Amino acid sequence: MEHKGRVWAGVVGLRAPDGSIARTVKIYRDVDAEPKPGKLTKDEERVCDGIIRDMAVMHHKYVERLTEEEQPK
């Protein structure tokens, strides 16, 4: 499949091995056509729901590992 381009899809913030905040990294998505404004397709909704679910699980695990002083208030 040939792609016509890439669309910026978001930003990921990571942590360095020592726990400090690392620089952000842009995420791109390969697309076959120019994006059109409007509603998401069912496949796009399914993919977004999966990403959101995975990120929520990762965030929950991250918060569980924080010490009591580091917990968000």
PDB file of N, CA and C in Angstrom:
ATOM      1  N   MET A   1       0.842  -1.175   0.000  1.00  0.00           N
ATOM      2  CA  MET A   1       0.000   0.000   0.000  1.00  0.00           C
ATOM      3  C   MET A   1       0.890   1.241   0.000  1.00  0.00           C
ATOM      4  N   GLU A   2       0.621   2.143  -0.899  1.00  0.00           N
ATOM      5  CA  GLU A   2       1.415   3.365  -0.995  1.00  0.00           C
ATOM      6  C   GLU A   2       0.741   4.485  -0.211  1.00  0.00           C
ATOM      7  N   HIS A   3       1.540   5.178   0.609  1.00  0.00           N
ATOM      8  CA  HIS A   3       1.007   6.273   1.416  1.00  0.00           C
ATOM      9  C   HIS A   3       1.301   7.599   0.737  1.00  0.00           C
ATOM     10  N   LYS A   4       0.342   8.508   0.816  1.00  0.00           N
ATOM     11  CA  LYS A   4       0.535   9.828   0.234  1.00  0.00           C
ATOM     12  C   LYS A   4       1.210  10.782   1.195  1.00  0.00           C
ATOM     13  N   GLY A   5       1.234  10.442   2.464  1.00  0.00           N
ATOM     14  CA  GLY A   5       1.863  11.347   3.403  1.00  0.00           C
ATOM     15  C   GLY A   5       1.699  10.895   4.833  1.00  0.00           C
ATOM     16  N   ARG A   6       2.090  11.791   5.726  1.00  0.00           N
ATOM     17  CA  ARG A   6       1.969  11.524   7.158  1.00  0.00           C
ATOM     18  C   ARG A   6       1.274  12.689   7.815  1.00  0.00           C
ATOM     19  N   VAL A   7       0.503  12.366   8.832  1.00  0.00           N
ATOM     20  CA  VAL A   7      -0.229  13.370   9.585  1.00  0.00           C
ATOM     21  C   VAL A   7       0.248  13.304  11.025  1.00  0.00           C
ATOM     22  N   TRP A   8       0.508  14.466  11.607  1.00  0.00           N
ATOM     23  CA  TRP A   8       0.906  14.522  13.006  1.00  0.00           C
ATOM     24  C   TRP A   8      -0.283  14.090  13.850  1.00  0.00           C
ATOM     25  N   ALA A   9      -0.093  13.043  14.667  1.00  0.00           N
ATOM     26  CA  ALA A   9      -1.190  12.474  15.448  1.00  0.00           C
ATOM     27  C   ALA A   9      -1.129  12.842  16.918  1.00  0.00           C
ATOM     28  N   GLY A  10       0.008  13.306  17.402  1.00  0.00           N
ATOM     29  CA  GLY A  10       0.086  13.655  18.814  1.00  0.00           C
ATOM     30  C   GLY A  10       1.515  13.713  19.301  1.00  0.00           C
ATOM     31  N   VAL A  11       1.647  13.738  20.620  1.00  0.00           N
ATOM     32  CA  VAL A  11       2.949  13.838  21.270  1.00  0.00           C
ATOM     33  C   VAL A  11       3.001  12.831  22.410  1.00  0.00           C
ATOM     34  N   VAL A  12       4.141  12.198  22.582  1.00  0.00           N
ATOM     35  CA  VAL A  12       4.351  11.274  23.686  1.00  0.00           C
ATOM     36  C   VAL A  12       5.416  11.875  24.590  1.00  0.00           C
ATOM     37  N   GLY A  13       5.123  11.947  25.868  1.00  0.00           N
ATOM     38  CA  GLY A  13       6.113  12.387  26.851  1.00  0.00           C
ATOM     39  C   GLY A  13       6.664  11.164  27.566  1.00  0.00           C
ATOM     40  N   LEU A  14       7.955  11.041  27.601  1.00  0.00           N
ATOM     41  CA  LEU A  14       8.580   9.863  28.197  1.00  0.00           C
ATOM     42  C   LEU A  14       9.413  10.255  29.410  1.00  0.00           C
ATOM     43  N   ARG A  15       9.820   9.246  30.151  1.00  0.00           N
ATOM     44  CA  ARG A  15      10.730   9.461  31.277  1.00  0.00           C
ATOM     45  C   ARG A  15      12.054   8.777  30.966  1.00  0.00           C
ATOM     46  N   ALA A  16      13.121   9.422  31.386  1.00  0.00           N
ATOM     47  CA  ALA A  16      14.454   8.854  31.220  1.00  0.00           C
ATOM     48  C   ALA A  16      14.644   7.728  32.244  1.00  0.00           C
ATOM     49  N   PRO A  17      15.635   6.861  32.054  1.00  0.00           N
ATOM     50  CA  PRO A  17      15.882   5.762  32.996  1.00  0.00           C
ATOM     51  C   PRO A  17      16.078   6.227  34.445  1.00  0.00           C
ATOM     52  N   ASP A  18      16.591   7.443  34.632  1.00  0.00           N
ATOM     53  CA  ASP A  18      16.787   7.941  35.995  1.00  0.00           C
ATOM     54  C   ASP A  18      15.518   8.556  36.595  1.00  0.00           C
ATOM     55  N   GLY A  19      14.413   8.530  35.853  1.00  0.00           N
ATOM     56  CA  GLY A  19      13.146   9.047  36.359  1.00  0.00           C
ATOM     57  C   GLY A  19      12.854  10.482  35.983  1.00  0.00           C
ATOM     58  N   SER A  20      13.839  11.172  35.413  1.00  0.00           N
ATOM     59  CA  SER A  20      13.607  12.554  35.013  1.00  0.00           C
ATOM     60  C   SER A  20      12.739  12.583  33.748  1.00  0.00           C
ATOM     61  N   ILE A  21      12.166  13.738  33.500  1.00  0.00           N
ATOM     62  CA  ILE A  21      11.303  13.873  32.333  1.00  0.00           C
ATOM     63  C   ILE A  21      12.174  14.035  31.097  1.00  0.00           C
ATOM     64  N   ALA A  22      11.946  13.181  30.123  1.00  0.00           N
ATOM     65  CA  ALA A  22      12.697  13.248  28.870  1.00  0.00           C
ATOM     66  C   ALA A  22      11.944  14.152  27.900  1.00  0.00           C
ATOM     67  N   ARG A  23      12.563  14.442  26.784  1.00  0.00           N
ATOM     68  CA  ARG A  23      11.906  15.319  25.818  1.00  0.00           C
ATOM     69  C   ARG A  23      10.718  14.606  25.186  1.00  0.00           C
ATOM     70  N   THR A  24       9.792  15.384  24.664  1.00  0.00           N
ATOM     71  CA  THR A  24       8.622  14.809  24.018  1.00  0.00           C
ATOM     72  C   THR A  24       8.976  14.388  22.600  1.00  0.00           C
ATOM     73  N   VAL A  25       8.210  13.424  22.108  1.00  0.00           N
ATOM     74  CA  VAL A  25       8.418  12.902  20.769  1.00  0.00           C
ATOM     75  C   VAL A  25       7.101  12.985  20.013  1.00  0.00           C
ATOM     76  N   LYS A  26       7.132  13.545  18.821  1.00  0.00           N
ATOM     77  CA  LYS A  26       5.928  13.635  18.004  1.00  0.00           C
ATOM     78  C   LYS A  26       5.605  12.267  17.409  1.00  0.00           C
ATOM     79  N   ILE A  27       4.313  11.974  17.306  1.00  0.00           N
ATOM     80  CA  ILE A  27       3.837  10.727  16.714  1.00  0.00           C
ATOM     81  C   ILE A  27       3.162  11.073  15.392  1.00  0.00           C
ATOM     82  N   TYR A  28       3.489  10.320  14.353  1.00  0.00           N
ATOM     83  CA  TYR A  28       2.893  10.548  13.041  1.00  0.00           C
ATOM     84  C   TYR A  28       2.129   9.310  12.591  1.00  0.00           C
ATOM     85  N   ARG A  29       1.146   9.521  11.749  1.00  0.00           N
ATOM     86  CA  ARG A  29       0.339   8.432  11.207  1.00  0.00           C
ATOM     87  C   ARG A  29       0.423   8.492   9.688  1.00  0.00           C
ATOM     88  N   ASP A  30       0.696   7.345   9.050  1.00  0.00           N
ATOM     89  CA  ASP A  30       0.691   7.278   7.591  1.00  0.00           C
ATOM     90  C   ASP A  30      -0.750   7.328   7.102  1.00  0.00           C
ATOM     91  N   VAL A  31      -1.007   8.125   6.076  1.00  0.00           N
ATOM     92  CA  VAL A  31      -2.360   8.256   5.526  1.00  0.00           C
ATOM     93  C   VAL A  31      -2.318   8.087   4.015  1.00  0.00           C
ATOM     94  N   ASP A  32      -3.425   7.615   3.470  1.00  0.00           N
ATOM     95  CA  ASP A  32      -3.543   7.433   2.029  1.00  0.00           C
ATOM     96  C   ASP A  32      -4.088   8.681   1.342  1.00  0.00           C
ATOM     97  N   ALA A  33      -4.774   9.506   2.090  1.00  0.00           N
ATOM     98  CA  ALA A  33      -5.384  10.699   1.508  1.00  0.00           C
ATOM     99  C   ALA A  33      -5.319  11.830   2.515  1.00  0.00           C
ATOM    100  N   GLU A  34      -5.603  13.021   2.064  1.00  0.00           N
ATOM    101  CA  GLU A  34      -5.634  14.159   2.969  1.00  0.00           C
ATOM    102  C   GLU A  34      -6.747  13.956   3.998  1.00  0.00           C
ATOM    103  N   PRO A  35      -6.491  14.314   5.266  1.00  0.00           N
ATOM    104  CA  PRO A  35      -7.532  14.163   6.278  1.00  0.00           C
ATOM    105  C   PRO A  35      -8.724  15.080   5.997  1.00  0.00           C
ATOM    106  N   LYS A  36      -9.899  14.576   6.289  1.00  0.00           N
ATOM    107  CA  LYS A  36     -11.119  15.350   6.091  1.00  0.00           C
ATOM    108  C   LYS A  36     -11.733  15.651   7.449  1.00  0.00           C
ATOM    109  N   PRO A  37     -12.184  16.876   7.652  1.00  0.00           N
ATOM    110  CA  PRO A  37     -12.839  17.179   8.925  1.00  0.00           C
ATOM    111  C   PRO A  37     -14.137  16.396   9.049  1.00  0.00           C
ATOM    112  N   GLY A  38     -14.493  16.061  10.261  1.00  0.00           N
ATOM    113  CA  GLY A  38     -15.731  15.324  10.466  1.00  0.00           C
ATOM    114  C   GLY A  38     -15.568  14.238  11.495  1.00  0.00           C
ATOM    115  N   LYS A  39     -16.521  13.339  11.513  1.00  0.00           N
ATOM    116  CA  LYS A  39     -16.529  12.262  12.498  1.00  0.00           C
ATOM    117  C   LYS A  39     -15.543  11.167  12.123  1.00  0.00           C
ATOM    118  N   LEU A  40     -15.147  10.416  13.156  1.00  0.00           N
ATOM    119  CA  LEU A  40     -14.257   9.282  12.948  1.00  0.00           C
ATOM    120  C   LEU A  40     -15.024   8.112  12.356  1.00  0.00           C
ATOM    121  N   THR A  41     -14.317   7.281  11.589  1.00  0.00           N
ATOM    122  CA  THR A  41     -14.931   6.050  11.114  1.00  0.00           C
ATOM    123  C   THR A  41     -14.992   5.064  12.279  1.00  0.00           C
ATOM    124  N   LYS A  42     -15.725   3.998  12.126  1.00  0.00           N
ATOM    125  CA  LYS A  42     -15.824   2.970  13.180  1.00  0.00           C
ATOM    126  C   LYS A  42     -14.452   2.379  13.488  1.00  0.00           C
ATOM    127  N   ASP A  43     -13.644   2.141  12.455  1.00  0.00           N
ATOM    128  CA  ASP A  43     -12.300   1.599  12.681  1.00  0.00           C
ATOM    129  C   ASP A  43     -11.432   2.588  13.450  1.00  0.00           C
ATOM    130  N   GLU A  44     -11.525   3.879  13.109  1.00  0.00           N
ATOM    131  CA  GLU A  44     -10.756   4.888  13.825  1.00  0.00           C
ATOM    132  C   GLU A  44     -11.199   4.988  15.282  1.00  0.00           C
ATOM    133  N   GLU A  45     -12.500   4.910  15.523  1.00  0.00           N
ATOM    134  CA  GLU A  45     -13.015   4.931  16.904  1.00  0.00           C
ATOM    135  C   GLU A  45     -12.488   3.741  17.688  1.00  0.00           C
ATOM    136  N   ARG A  46     -12.472   2.569  17.066  1.00  0.00           N
ATOM    137  CA  ARG A  46     -11.994   1.352  17.724  1.00  0.00           C
ATOM    138  C   ARG A  46     -10.514   1.488  18.082  1.00  0.00           C
ATOM    139  N   VAL A  47      -9.723   2.003  17.151  1.00  0.00           N
ATOM    140  CA  VAL A  47      -8.293   2.183  17.413  1.00  0.00           C
ATOM    141  C   VAL A  47      -8.078   3.194  18.537  1.00  0.00           C
ATOM    142  N   CYS A  48      -8.782   4.322  18.486  1.00  0.00           N
ATOM    143  CA  CYS A  48      -8.645   5.346  19.529  1.00  0.00           C
ATOM    144  C   CYS A  48      -9.055   4.796  20.890  1.00  0.00           C
ATOM    145  N   ASP A  49     -10.148   4.044  20.936  1.00  0.00           N
ATOM    146  CA  ASP A  49     -10.581   3.451  22.203  1.00  0.00           C
ATOM    147  C   ASP A  49      -9.516   2.517  22.762  1.00  0.00           C
ATOM    148  N   GLY A  50      -8.884   1.733  21.894  1.00  0.00           N
ATOM    149  CA  GLY A  50      -7.824   0.829  22.346  1.00  0.00           C
ATOM    150  C   GLY A  50      -6.624   1.576  22.885  1.00  0.00           C
ATOM    151  N   ILE A  51      -6.239   2.650  22.198  1.00  0.00           N
ATOM    152  CA  ILE A  51      -5.100   3.453  22.659  1.00  0.00           C
ATOM    153  C   ILE A  51      -5.413   4.091  23.997  1.00  0.00           C
ATOM    154  N   ILE A  52      -6.605   4.654  24.128  1.00  0.00           N
ATOM    155  CA  ILE A  52      -7.003   5.299  25.385  1.00  0.00           C
ATOM    156  C   ILE A  52      -7.020   4.282  26.522  1.00  0.00           C
ATOM    157  N   ARG A  53      -7.559   3.101  26.261  1.00  0.00           N
ATOM    158  CA  ARG A  53      -7.620   2.050  27.282  1.00  0.00           C
ATOM    159  C   ARG A  53      -6.212   1.647  27.715  1.00  0.00           C
ATOM    160  N   ASP A  54      -5.310   1.434  26.740  1.00  0.00           N
ATOM    161  CA  ASP A  54      -3.932   1.053  27.064  1.00  0.00           C
ATOM    162  C   ASP A  54      -3.217   2.142  27.856  1.00  0.00           C
ATOM    163  N   MET A  55      -3.417   3.396  27.474  1.00  0.00           N
ATOM    164  CA  MET A  55      -2.771   4.504  28.182  1.00  0.00           C
ATOM    165  C   MET A  55      -3.314   4.636  29.605  1.00  0.00           C
ATOM    166  N   ALA A  56      -4.603   4.390  29.795  1.00  0.00           N
ATOM    167  CA  ALA A  56      -5.192   4.459  31.134  1.00  0.00           C
ATOM    168  C   ALA A  56      -4.593   3.374  32.031  1.00  0.00           C
ATOM    169  N   VAL A  57      -4.401   2.185  31.501  1.00  0.00           N
ATOM    170  CA  VAL A  57      -3.796   1.097  32.277  1.00  0.00           C
ATOM    171  C   VAL A  57      -2.358   1.450  32.644  1.00  0.00           C
ATOM    172  N   MET A  58      -1.595   1.981  31.673  1.00  0.00           N
ATOM    173  CA  MET A  58      -0.208   2.357  31.954  1.00  0.00           C
ATOM    174  C   MET A  58      -0.139   3.463  33.004  1.00  0.00           C
ATOM    175  N   HIS A  59      -1.036   4.456  32.911  1.00  0.00           N
ATOM    176  CA  HIS A  59      -1.043   5.550  33.892  1.00  0.00           C
ATOM    177  C   HIS A  59      -1.398   5.015  35.280  1.00  0.00           C
ATOM    178  N   HIS A  60      -2.367   4.119  35.342  1.00  0.00           N
ATOM    179  CA  HIS A  60      -2.760   3.534  36.629  1.00  0.00           C
ATOM    180  C   HIS A  60      -1.579   2.797  37.263  1.00  0.00           C
ATOM    181  N   LYS A  61      -0.862   2.011  36.471  1.00  0.00           N
ATOM    182  CA  LYS A  61       0.309   1.291  36.989  1.00  0.00           C
ATOM    183  C   LYS A  61       1.383   2.270  37.448  1.00  0.00           C
ATOM    184  N   TYR A  62       1.571   3.355  36.704  1.00  0.00           N
ATOM    185  CA  TYR A  62       2.564   4.364  37.073  1.00  0.00           C
ATOM    186  C   TYR A  62       2.199   5.009  38.405  1.00  0.00           C
ATOM    187  N   VAL A  63       0.948   5.405  38.586  1.00  0.00           N
ATOM    188  CA  VAL A  63       0.513   6.051  39.821  1.00  0.00           C
ATOM    189  C   VAL A  63       0.635   5.093  41.001  1.00  0.00           C
ATOM    190  N   GLU A  64       0.350   3.813  40.784  1.00  0.00           N
ATOM    191  CA  GLU A  64       0.482   2.827  41.860  1.00  0.00           C
ATOM    192  C   GLU A  64       1.923   2.727  42.358  1.00  0.00           C
ATOM    193  N   ARG A  65       2.914   2.958  41.497  1.00  0.00           N
ATOM    194  CA  ARG A  65       4.318   2.848  41.889  1.00  0.00           C
ATOM    195  C   ARG A  65       4.837   4.095  42.594  1.00  0.00           C
ATOM    196  N   LEU A  66       4.121   5.186  42.525  1.00  0.00           N
ATOM    197  CA  LEU A  66       4.577   6.411  43.178  1.00  0.00           C
ATOM    198  C   LEU A  66       4.511   6.266  44.691  1.00  0.00           C
ATOM    199  N   THR A  67       5.424   6.926  45.364  1.00  0.00           N
ATOM    200  CA  THR A  67       5.343   6.937  46.822  1.00  0.00           C
ATOM    201  C   THR A  67       4.189   7.834  47.244  1.00  0.00           C
ATOM    202  N   GLU A  68       3.814   7.776  48.486  1.00  0.00           N
ATOM    203  CA  GLU A  68       2.690   8.562  48.961  1.00  0.00           C
ATOM    204  C   GLU A  68       2.917  10.058  48.762  1.00  0.00           C
ATOM    205  N   GLU A  69       4.172  10.533  48.956  1.00  0.00           N
ATOM    206  CA  GLU A  69       4.478  11.947  48.771  1.00  0.00           C
ATOM    207  C   GLU A  69       4.351  12.370  47.323  1.00  0.00           C
ATOM    208  N   GLU A  70       4.594  11.455  46.392  1.00  0.00           N
ATOM    209  CA  GLU A  70       4.546  11.797  44.980  1.00  0.00           C
ATOM    210  C   GLU A  70       3.145  11.694  44.382  1.00  0.00           C
ATOM    211  N   GLN A  71       2.206  11.135  45.117  1.00  0.00           N
ATOM    212  CA  GLN A  71       0.850  10.933  44.610  1.00  0.00           C
ATOM    213  C   GLN A  71       0.218  12.270  44.215  1.00  0.00           C
ATOM    214  N   PRO A  72      -0.471  12.323  43.064  1.00  0.00           N
ATOM    215  CA  PRO A  72      -1.159  13.566  42.693  1.00  0.00           C
ATOM    216  C   PRO A  72      -2.269  13.868  43.681  1.00  0.00           C
ATOM    217  N   LYS A  73      -2.457  15.127  43.967  1.00  0.00           N
ATOM    218  CA  LYS A  73      -3.487  15.525  44.933  1.00  0.00           C
ATOM    219  C   LYS A  73      -4.671  16.127  44.247  1.00  0.00           C
TER     220      LYS A  73
END
